[in-house]
Amino acid sequence: MVRKLENPKCEFVDTHAHLHMRQFDQDREDVIANFERDHIRFVVEVGVDIESSLRVLKLSEKNERIFSAVGVHPHDVKILKDEDLEKLEELGRNEKVVAIGEIGLDFYRNLSPRDLQEEYFVKQIEIAKKLGKPIIVHVRDAYEEAVRILRNHAHPNVIGVVHSFSGDYKDAKRIVEMGFKLGIGGPVTFKNNEKLREIVRKIDLKYILSETDCPYLTPHPFRGKRNEPRFVRYVVEKIALLKGKPVLKVAEILMENAIELFGLDGAGMKR
């Protein structure tokens, strides 16, 4: 049973979703149709390769509450070609595309060689710079390298969000000092993740975005089930509790953070 909203006036934003994935093939349209019921103002739907970037753009073009990010995840850069980067830049020019992502480094799984991960991270940052759009960054077990690349190739011309932040406080501090935001999702509710909760307590709320990373990282008390945008409110409620602020106020600030970063107006529509 989903508990009643603490404040029915609350509206939420999910800044990192993967509704295009197969886990939503049976009920994708129902999930989207329920955004209003679930108090979801808008969602940023994120691609992980060229094929999925085409799908997320198509999804966003059909739904006014969905915006898209196009990019190639570090897992998949091993098959990337120069013409793919040209296609990515072309996709990035669409008015429904609000960011380049999901891009970055993953030295935990190393599904692509590390040198290629770094090379194409930089090349995709350059596309974002050319288009004047923010980036959505994936980092796992590579914060030193990611911070170095962001300092050398993004800052101060390109800003964005390090999504599903999993570093330590030193990493968080260095990231926000460059004007980047931290994407906070389901892991902040996990019992064994006091480190992340302490970081959320310390980092100014203006540097935080709410996200789900659905269908992954489902928050407590729904762990083990498929994640989806309606569960983002449990993340916002936890952030509010950690900050000692009303949920409504925190939801408003997180909404404004997303609107500002992704270049949206107060109604969640493109400027």
C-alpha atoms as a PDB file:
ATOM      1  CA  MET A   1       0.000   0.000   0.000  1.00  0.00           C
ATOM      2  CA  VAL A   2       1.391   3.435  -1.003  1.00  0.00           C
ATOM      3  CA  ARG A   3       0.998   5.834   1.875  1.00  0.00           C
ATOM      4  CA  LYS A   4      -0.790   9.155   1.499  1.00  0.00           C
ATOM      5  CA  LEU A   5       1.275  12.204   0.615  1.00  0.00           C
ATOM      6  CA  GLU A   6       2.344  14.235   3.637  1.00  0.00           C
ATOM      7  CA  ASN A   7       1.206  17.327   1.712  1.00  0.00           C
ATOM      8  CA  PRO A   8      -1.066  16.818  -1.311  1.00  0.00           C
ATOM      9  CA  LYS A   9       0.252  20.075  -2.829  1.00  0.00           C
ATOM     10  CA  CYS A  10       3.712  18.557  -3.266  1.00  0.00           C
ATOM     11  CA  GLU A  11       4.968  18.086  -6.785  1.00  0.00           C
ATOM     12  CA  PHE A  12       8.079  16.128  -7.656  1.00  0.00           C
ATOM     13  CA  VAL A  13      10.603  15.817 -10.444  1.00  0.00           C
ATOM     14  CA  ASP A  14      12.519  12.701 -11.438  1.00  0.00           C
ATOM     15  CA  THR A  15      15.716  13.911 -13.106  1.00  0.00           C
ATOM     16  CA  HIS A  16      16.960  10.464 -14.133  1.00  0.00           C
ATOM     17  CA  ALA A  17      14.675   7.764 -15.487  1.00  0.00           C
ATOM     18  CA  HIS A  18      14.944   4.926 -18.019  1.00  0.00           C
ATOM     19  CA  LEU A  19      11.316   4.355 -18.973  1.00  0.00           C
ATOM     20  CA  HIS A  20      12.428   3.188 -22.418  1.00  0.00           C
ATOM     21  CA  MET A  21      13.892  -0.006 -20.964  1.00  0.00           C
ATOM     22  CA  ARG A  22      12.274  -3.417 -21.350  1.00  0.00           C
ATOM     23  CA  GLN A  23      11.108  -3.464 -17.718  1.00  0.00           C
ATOM     24  CA  PHE A  24       8.383  -0.991 -18.750  1.00  0.00           C
ATOM     25  CA  ASP A  25       7.310  -2.696 -21.975  1.00  0.00           C
ATOM     26  CA  GLN A  26       4.051  -3.997 -20.475  1.00  0.00           C
ATOM     27  CA  ASP A  27       2.792  -0.802 -18.818  1.00  0.00           C
ATOM     28  CA  ARG A  28       4.906   2.141 -19.984  1.00  0.00           C
ATOM     29  CA  GLU A  29       1.941   4.221 -21.135  1.00  0.00           C
ATOM     30  CA  ASP A  30       0.084   3.589 -17.876  1.00  0.00           C
ATOM     31  CA  VAL A  31       3.083   4.726 -15.823  1.00  0.00           C
ATOM     32  CA  ILE A  32       3.306   7.919 -17.868  1.00  0.00           C
ATOM     33  CA  ALA A  33      -0.444   8.502 -17.786  1.00  0.00           C
ATOM     34  CA  ASN A  34      -0.287   8.422 -13.973  1.00  0.00           C
ATOM     35  CA  PHE A  35       2.246  11.263 -13.654  1.00  0.00           C
ATOM     36  CA  GLU A  36      -0.469  13.762 -12.757  1.00  0.00           C
ATOM     37  CA  ARG A  37      -2.046  11.418 -10.219  1.00  0.00           C
ATOM     38  CA  ASP A  38       1.392  10.756  -8.724  1.00  0.00           C
ATOM     39  CA  HIS A  39       2.251  14.484  -8.536  1.00  0.00           C
ATOM     40  CA  ILE A  40       5.129  14.153 -11.013  1.00  0.00           C
ATOM     41  CA  ARG A  41       5.669  17.535 -12.691  1.00  0.00           C
ATOM     42  CA  PHE A  42       8.215  16.236 -15.169  1.00  0.00           C
ATOM     43  CA  VAL A  43      10.757  13.494 -15.811  1.00  0.00           C
ATOM     44  CA  VAL A  44      14.129  13.545 -17.556  1.00  0.00           C
ATOM     45  CA  GLU A  45      14.360  10.349 -19.598  1.00  0.00           C
ATOM     46  CA  VAL A  46      17.996   9.346 -20.133  1.00  0.00           C
ATOM     47  CA  GLY A  47      19.607   7.450 -23.001  1.00  0.00           C
ATOM     48  CA  VAL A  48      22.609   5.149 -22.597  1.00  0.00           C
ATOM     49  CA  ASP A  49      23.606   4.587 -26.240  1.00  0.00           C
ATOM     50  CA  ILE A  50      22.617   5.835 -29.694  1.00  0.00           C
ATOM     51  CA  GLU A  51      19.701   3.424 -30.073  1.00  0.00           C
ATOM     52  CA  SER A  52      18.203   4.200 -26.670  1.00  0.00           C
ATOM     53  CA  SER A  53      18.817   7.927 -27.187  1.00  0.00           C
ATOM     54  CA  LEU A  54      16.571   7.732 -30.247  1.00  0.00           C
ATOM     55  CA  ARG A  55      13.925   5.982 -28.141  1.00  0.00           C
ATOM     56  CA  VAL A  56      14.022   8.468 -25.274  1.00  0.00           C
ATOM     57  CA  LEU A  57      13.747  11.386 -27.679  1.00  0.00           C
ATOM     58  CA  LYS A  58      10.728   9.797 -29.327  1.00  0.00           C
ATOM     59  CA  LEU A  59       9.163   9.222 -25.918  1.00  0.00           C
ATOM     60  CA  SER A  60       9.714  12.838 -24.891  1.00  0.00           C
ATOM     61  CA  GLU A  61       8.299  14.189 -28.129  1.00  0.00           C
ATOM     62  CA  LYS A  62       5.022  12.359 -27.405  1.00  0.00           C
ATOM     63  CA  ASN A  63       4.699  13.494 -23.764  1.00  0.00           C
ATOM     64  CA  GLU A  64       4.798  17.069 -22.488  1.00  0.00           C
ATOM     65  CA  ARG A  65       5.919  15.967 -19.016  1.00  0.00           C
ATOM     66  CA  ILE A  66       8.959  14.093 -20.356  1.00  0.00           C
ATOM     67  CA  PHE A  67      12.243  15.667 -21.444  1.00  0.00           C
ATOM     68  CA  SER A  68      15.208  13.714 -22.721  1.00  0.00           C
ATOM     69  CA  ALA A  69      18.967  13.374 -22.391  1.00  0.00           C
ATOM     70  CA  VAL A  70      21.000  11.720 -25.135  1.00  0.00           C
ATOM     71  CA  GLY A  71      24.410  10.178 -24.699  1.00  0.00           C
ATOM     72  CA  VAL A  72      26.528   7.039 -24.547  1.00  0.00           C
ATOM     73  CA  HIS A  73      27.173   5.343 -21.203  1.00  0.00           C
ATOM     74  CA  PRO A  74      30.788   4.359 -20.410  1.00  0.00           C
ATOM     75  CA  HIS A  75      29.798   0.692 -20.669  1.00  0.00           C
ATOM     76  CA  ASP A  76      29.025   1.166 -24.369  1.00  0.00           C
ATOM     77  CA  VAL A  77      31.767   3.458 -25.675  1.00  0.00           C
ATOM     78  CA  LYS A  78      33.803   0.468 -26.849  1.00  0.00           C
ATOM     79  CA  ILE A  79      31.529   0.221 -29.897  1.00  0.00           C
ATOM     80  CA  LEU A  80      31.266   3.981 -30.498  1.00  0.00           C
ATOM     81  CA  LYS A  81      32.316   5.434 -33.862  1.00  0.00           C
ATOM     82  CA  ASP A  82      32.944   9.013 -34.949  1.00  0.00           C
ATOM     83  CA  GLU A  83      29.749   9.008 -37.009  1.00  0.00           C
ATOM     84  CA  ASP A  84      27.869   8.065 -33.829  1.00  0.00           C
ATOM     85  CA  LEU A  85      29.130  11.258 -32.228  1.00  0.00           C
ATOM     86  CA  GLU A  86      27.834  13.208 -35.212  1.00  0.00           C
ATOM     87  CA  LYS A  87      24.447  11.528 -34.751  1.00  0.00           C
ATOM     88  CA  LEU A  88      24.532  12.326 -31.039  1.00  0.00           C
ATOM     89  CA  GLU A  89      25.178  15.988 -31.772  1.00  0.00           C
ATOM     90  CA  GLU A  90      22.303  15.998 -34.241  1.00  0.00           C
ATOM     91  CA  LEU A  91      19.964  14.477 -31.654  1.00  0.00           C
ATOM     92  CA  GLY A  92      21.186  16.938 -29.036  1.00  0.00           C
ATOM     93  CA  ARG A  93      19.907  19.865 -31.068  1.00  0.00           C
ATOM     94  CA  ASN A  94      16.285  18.783 -30.581  1.00  0.00           C
ATOM     95  CA  GLU A  95      14.336  21.166 -28.334  1.00  0.00           C
ATOM     96  CA  LYS A  96      13.144  18.299 -26.115  1.00  0.00           C
ATOM     97  CA  VAL A  97      16.752  17.316 -25.332  1.00  0.00           C
ATOM     98  CA  VAL A  98      17.779  19.107 -22.134  1.00  0.00           C
ATOM     99  CA  ALA A  99      21.154  17.426 -21.492  1.00  0.00           C
ATOM    100  CA  ILE A 100      23.901  15.202 -22.880  1.00  0.00           C
ATOM    101  CA  GLY A 101      23.998  12.003 -20.896  1.00  0.00           C
ATOM    102  CA  GLU A 102      24.376   9.498 -19.522  1.00  0.00           C
ATOM    103  CA  ILE A 103      28.130   9.882 -19.972  1.00  0.00           C
ATOM    104  CA  GLY A 104      31.126   9.351 -17.711  1.00  0.00           C
ATOM    105  CA  LEU A 105      33.375   6.680 -16.233  1.00  0.00           C
ATOM    106  CA  ASP A 106      32.720   3.268 -14.716  1.00  0.00           C
ATOM    107  CA  PHE A 107      35.896   1.629 -13.409  1.00  0.00           C
ATOM    108  CA  TYR A 108      33.907  -0.849 -11.310  1.00  0.00           C
ATOM    109  CA  ARG A 109      32.666  -3.030 -14.159  1.00  0.00           C
ATOM    110  CA  ASN A 110      35.141  -1.895 -16.815  1.00  0.00           C
ATOM    111  CA  LEU A 111      32.905  -3.029 -19.671  1.00  0.00           C
ATOM    112  CA  SER A 112      34.813  -0.647 -21.931  1.00  0.00           C
ATOM    113  CA  PRO A 113      38.587  -0.006 -21.761  1.00  0.00           C
ATOM    114  CA  ARG A 114      39.419   2.824 -19.381  1.00  0.00           C
ATOM    115  CA  ASP A 115      41.268   4.861 -21.984  1.00  0.00           C
ATOM    116  CA  LEU A 116      38.235   4.756 -24.286  1.00  0.00           C
ATOM    117  CA  GLN A 117      35.945   5.710 -21.421  1.00  0.00           C
ATOM    118  CA  GLU A 118      38.015   8.811 -20.753  1.00  0.00           C
ATOM    119  CA  GLU A 119      38.350   9.679 -24.444  1.00  0.00           C
ATOM    120  CA  TYR A 120      34.642   9.541 -25.146  1.00  0.00           C
ATOM    121  CA  PHE A 121      33.719  11.220 -21.880  1.00  0.00           C
ATOM    122  CA  VAL A 122      35.753  14.219 -23.067  1.00  0.00           C
ATOM    123  CA  LYS A 123      34.321  14.067 -26.593  1.00  0.00           C
ATOM    124  CA  GLN A 124      30.760  14.054 -25.293  1.00  0.00           C
ATOM    125  CA  ILE A 125      31.533  16.962 -22.957  1.00  0.00           C
ATOM    126  CA  GLU A 126      32.708  18.830 -26.060  1.00  0.00           C
ATOM    127  CA  ILE A 127      29.352  18.137 -27.738  1.00  0.00           C
ATOM    128  CA  ALA A 128      27.555  19.541 -24.696  1.00  0.00           C
ATOM    129  CA  LYS A 129      29.799  22.599 -24.778  1.00  0.00           C
ATOM    130  CA  LYS A 130      29.050  23.136 -28.469  1.00  0.00           C
ATOM    131  CA  LEU A 131      25.300  22.810 -27.896  1.00  0.00           C
ATOM    132  CA  GLY A 132      25.246  24.845 -24.685  1.00  0.00           C
ATOM    133  CA  LYS A 133      23.605  22.036 -22.721  1.00  0.00           C
ATOM    134  CA  PRO A 134      24.387  20.477 -19.323  1.00  0.00           C
ATOM    135  CA  ILE A 135      25.670  16.942 -18.848  1.00  0.00           C
ATOM    136  CA  ILE A 136      24.395  13.983 -16.842  1.00  0.00           C
ATOM    137  CA  VAL A 137      27.404  12.125 -15.489  1.00  0.00           C
ATOM    138  CA  HIS A 138      27.758   8.500 -14.402  1.00  0.00           C
ATOM    139  CA  VAL A 139      30.698   7.817 -12.070  1.00  0.00           C
ATOM    140  CA  ARG A 140      31.526   4.556 -10.328  1.00  0.00           C
ATOM    141  CA  ASP A 141      34.877   3.864  -8.675  1.00  0.00           C
ATOM    142  CA  ALA A 142      36.407   6.672 -10.753  1.00  0.00           C
ATOM    143  CA  TYR A 143      35.840   9.911  -8.878  1.00  0.00           C
ATOM    144  CA  GLU A 144      39.455  11.099  -9.016  1.00  0.00           C
ATOM    145  CA  GLU A 145      39.550  10.653 -12.780  1.00  0.00           C
ATOM    146  CA  ALA A 146      36.076  12.099 -13.316  1.00  0.00           C
ATOM    147  CA  VAL A 147      36.800  15.215 -11.262  1.00  0.00           C
ATOM    148  CA  ARG A 148      40.029  15.742 -13.193  1.00  0.00           C
ATOM    149  CA  ILE A 149      38.207  15.529 -16.522  1.00  0.00           C
ATOM    150  CA  LEU A 150      35.407  17.803 -15.373  1.00  0.00           C
ATOM    151  CA  ARG A 151      37.912  20.388 -14.159  1.00  0.00           C
ATOM    152  CA  ASN A 152      39.972  20.256 -17.335  1.00  0.00           C
ATOM    153  CA  HIS A 153      37.258  19.934 -19.959  1.00  0.00           C
ATOM    154  CA  ALA A 154      33.893  21.041 -18.511  1.00  0.00           C
ATOM    155  CA  HIS A 155      34.448  23.691 -15.852  1.00  0.00           C
ATOM    156  CA  PRO A 156      33.429  26.513 -16.098  1.00  0.00           C
ATOM    157  CA  ASN A 157      31.638  26.294 -19.462  1.00  0.00           C
ATOM    158  CA  VAL A 158      29.643  23.105 -18.930  1.00  0.00           C
ATOM    159  CA  ILE A 159      27.697  22.237 -15.791  1.00  0.00           C
ATOM    160  CA  GLY A 160      25.481  19.305 -14.957  1.00  0.00           C
ATOM    161  CA  VAL A 161      24.759  16.610 -12.411  1.00  0.00           C
ATOM    162  CA  VAL A 162      26.706  13.617 -11.148  1.00  0.00           C
ATOM    163  CA  HIS A 163      23.799  11.231 -10.969  1.00  0.00           C
ATOM    164  CA  SER A 164      23.356   8.500  -8.355  1.00  0.00           C
ATOM    165  CA  PHE A 165      26.202  10.044  -6.386  1.00  0.00           C
ATOM    166  CA  SER A 166      28.254   7.390  -4.572  1.00  0.00           C
ATOM    167  CA  GLY A 167      31.485   9.157  -3.663  1.00  0.00           C
ATOM    168  CA  ASP A 168      32.653  10.544  -0.343  1.00  0.00           C
ATOM    169  CA  TYR A 169      32.246  14.029   1.101  1.00  0.00           C
ATOM    170  CA  LYS A 170      35.525  15.219  -0.439  1.00  0.00           C
ATOM    171  CA  ASP A 171      34.256  14.164  -3.870  1.00  0.00           C
ATOM    172  CA  ALA A 172      30.919  15.859  -3.260  1.00  0.00           C
ATOM    173  CA  LYS A 173      32.572  19.090  -2.191  1.00  0.00           C
ATOM    174  CA  ARG A 174      34.843  19.207  -5.245  1.00  0.00           C
ATOM    175  CA  ILE A 175      31.910  18.508  -7.559  1.00  0.00           C
ATOM    176  CA  VAL A 176      29.617  21.209  -6.180  1.00  0.00           C
ATOM    177  CA  GLU A 177      32.477  23.714  -6.133  1.00  0.00           C
ATOM    178  CA  MET A 178      32.454  23.411  -9.942  1.00  0.00           C
ATOM    179  CA  GLY A 179      28.746  24.240  -9.967  1.00  0.00           C
ATOM    180  CA  PHE A 180      27.621  20.670 -10.523  1.00  0.00           C
ATOM    181  CA  LYS A 181      24.714  19.100  -8.692  1.00  0.00           C
ATOM    182  CA  LEU A 182      24.448  15.702  -7.002  1.00  0.00           C
ATOM    183  CA  GLY A 183      21.725  13.305  -8.107  1.00  0.00           C
ATOM    184  CA  ILE A 184      20.240  11.637  -5.031  1.00  0.00           C
ATOM    185  CA  GLY A 185      17.984   8.615  -5.404  1.00  0.00           C
ATOM    186  CA  GLY A 186      16.876   5.435  -3.674  1.00  0.00           C
ATOM    187  CA  PRO A 187      20.228   4.627  -2.009  1.00  0.00           C
ATOM    188  CA  VAL A 188      19.729   7.514   0.428  1.00  0.00           C
ATOM    189  CA  THR A 189      16.934   5.432   1.981  1.00  0.00           C
ATOM    190  CA  PHE A 190      18.996   2.223   2.320  1.00  0.00           C
ATOM    191  CA  LYS A 191      19.716   1.219   5.907  1.00  0.00           C
ATOM    192  CA  ASN A 192      23.432   0.669   5.275  1.00  0.00           C
ATOM    193  CA  ASN A 193      24.064   3.985   3.511  1.00  0.00           C
ATOM    194  CA  GLU A 194      24.718   6.395   6.376  1.00  0.00           C
ATOM    195  CA  LYS A 195      27.661   7.819   4.403  1.00  0.00           C
ATOM    196  CA  LEU A 196      25.344   9.201   1.721  1.00  0.00           C
ATOM    197  CA  ARG A 197      22.880  10.511   4.300  1.00  0.00           C
ATOM    198  CA  GLU A 198      25.687  12.413   6.040  1.00  0.00           C
ATOM    199  CA  ILE A 199      26.725  13.965   2.724  1.00  0.00           C
ATOM    200  CA  VAL A 200      23.149  15.060   2.071  1.00  0.00           C
ATOM    201  CA  ARG A 201      23.054  16.652   5.526  1.00  0.00           C
ATOM    202  CA  LYS A 202      26.228  18.634   4.786  1.00  0.00           C
ATOM    203  CA  ILE A 203      25.721  19.693   1.161  1.00  0.00           C
ATOM    204  CA  ASP A 204      23.597  22.770   0.489  1.00  0.00           C
ATOM    205  CA  LEU A 205      20.163  21.828  -0.856  1.00  0.00           C
ATOM    206  CA  LYS A 206      20.717  24.018  -3.928  1.00  0.00           C
ATOM    207  CA  TYR A 207      23.217  21.419  -5.172  1.00  0.00           C
ATOM    208  CA  ILE A 208      20.871  18.420  -4.951  1.00  0.00           C
ATOM    209  CA  LEU A 209      18.536  16.875  -7.526  1.00  0.00           C
ATOM    210  CA  SER A 210      15.942  14.163  -6.894  1.00  0.00           C
ATOM    211  CA  GLU A 211      16.011  11.093  -9.134  1.00  0.00           C
ATOM    212  CA  THR A 212      15.042   7.437  -9.302  1.00  0.00           C
ATOM    213  CA  ASP A 213      17.337   5.830 -11.930  1.00  0.00           C
ATOM    214  CA  CYS A 214      14.306   3.623 -12.559  1.00  0.00           C
ATOM    215  CA  PRO A 215      13.916   0.719 -13.076  1.00  0.00           C
ATOM    216  CA  TYR A 216      16.912   0.384 -10.735  1.00  0.00           C
ATOM    217  CA  LEU A 217      17.720   1.421  -7.127  1.00  0.00           C
ATOM    218  CA  THR A 218      14.196   1.266  -5.751  1.00  0.00           C
ATOM    219  CA  PRO A 219      13.910   3.133  -2.436  1.00  0.00           C
ATOM    220  CA  HIS A 220      12.858   1.649   0.872  1.00  0.00           C
ATOM    221  CA  PRO A 221      10.202   0.357   1.541  1.00  0.00           C
ATOM    222  CA  PHE A 222       9.874  -1.014  -2.007  1.00  0.00           C
ATOM    223  CA  ARG A 223      13.316  -2.565  -2.488  1.00  0.00           C
ATOM    224  CA  GLY A 224      13.109  -5.674  -4.624  1.00  0.00           C
ATOM    225  CA  LYS A 225      10.395  -4.180  -6.822  1.00  0.00           C
ATOM    226  CA  ARG A 226      10.790  -2.284 -10.058  1.00  0.00           C
ATOM    227  CA  ASN A 227      11.551   1.374  -9.465  1.00  0.00           C
ATOM    228  CA  GLU A 228       9.475   4.030 -11.224  1.00  0.00           C
ATOM    229  CA  PRO A 229       9.028   7.820 -11.097  1.00  0.00           C
ATOM    230  CA  ARG A 230       6.230   7.768  -8.512  1.00  0.00           C
ATOM    231  CA  PHE A 231       8.711   6.486  -5.922  1.00  0.00           C
ATOM    232  CA  VAL A 232      10.817   9.652  -6.163  1.00  0.00           C
ATOM    233  CA  ARG A 233       8.726  11.173  -3.397  1.00  0.00           C
ATOM    234  CA  TYR A 234      10.258   8.725  -0.907  1.00  0.00           C
ATOM    235  CA  VAL A 235      13.651  10.133  -1.844  1.00  0.00           C
ATOM    236  CA  VAL A 236      12.392  13.702  -1.372  1.00  0.00           C
ATOM    237  CA  GLU A 237      10.836  12.815   1.971  1.00  0.00           C
ATOM    238  CA  LYS A 238      14.142  11.329   3.164  1.00  0.00           C
ATOM    239  CA  ILE A 239      16.084  14.400   2.018  1.00  0.00           C
ATOM    240  CA  ALA A 240      13.596  16.628   3.849  1.00  0.00           C
ATOM    241  CA  LEU A 241      14.002  14.548   7.012  1.00  0.00           C
ATOM    242  CA  LEU A 242      17.801  14.789   6.796  1.00  0.00           C
ATOM    243  CA  LYS A 243      17.613  18.545   6.271  1.00  0.00           C
ATOM    244  CA  GLY A 244      15.026  19.081   8.994  1.00  0.00           C
ATOM    245  CA  LYS A 245      12.757  20.949   6.583  1.00  0.00           C
ATOM    246  CA  PRO A 246       9.137  20.501   5.460  1.00  0.00           C
ATOM    247  CA  VAL A 247       8.675  18.128   2.535  1.00  0.00           C
ATOM    248  CA  LEU A 248       6.752  20.760   0.573  1.00  0.00           C
ATOM    249  CA  LYS A 249       9.600  23.270   0.859  1.00  0.00           C
ATOM    250  CA  VAL A 250      12.255  20.720  -0.085  1.00  0.00           C
ATOM    251  CA  ALA A 251      10.196  19.506  -3.047  1.00  0.00           C
ATOM    252  CA  GLU A 252       9.911  23.109  -4.273  1.00  0.00           C
ATOM    253  CA  ILE A 253      13.661  23.710  -3.991  1.00  0.00           C
ATOM    254  CA  LEU A 254      14.543  20.457  -5.755  1.00  0.00           C
ATOM    255  CA  MET A 255      12.069  21.346  -8.499  1.00  0.00           C
ATOM    256  CA  GLU A 256      13.661  24.766  -8.970  1.00  0.00           C
ATOM    257  CA  ASN A 257      17.128  23.191  -9.052  1.00  0.00           C
ATOM    258  CA  ALA A 258      16.057  20.966 -11.943  1.00  0.00           C
ATOM    259  CA  ILE A 259      14.250  23.757 -13.780  1.00  0.00           C
ATOM    260  CA  GLU A 260      17.345  25.954 -13.570  1.00  0.00           C
ATOM    261  CA  LEU A 261      19.851  23.280 -14.585  1.00  0.00           C
ATOM    262  CA  PHE A 262      17.872  21.959 -17.542  1.00  0.00           C
ATOM    263  CA  GLY A 263      16.675  25.338 -18.806  1.00  0.00           C
ATOM    264  CA  LEU A 264      12.964  24.871 -18.121  1.00  0.00           C
ATOM    265  CA  ASP A 265      10.425  27.431 -17.038  1.00  0.00           C
ATOM    266  CA  GLY A 266       8.297  27.213 -13.896  1.00  0.00           C
ATOM    267  CA  ALA A 267       5.683  25.080 -15.604  1.00  0.00           C
ATOM    268  CA  GLY A 268       8.233  22.409 -16.460  1.00  0.00           C
ATOM    269  CA  MET A 269       8.138  23.350 -20.136  1.00  0.00           C
ATOM    270  CA  LYS A 270      11.043  24.305 -22.359  1.00  0.00           C
ATOM    271  CA  ARG A 271      11.878  27.991 -22.527  1.00  0.00           C
END
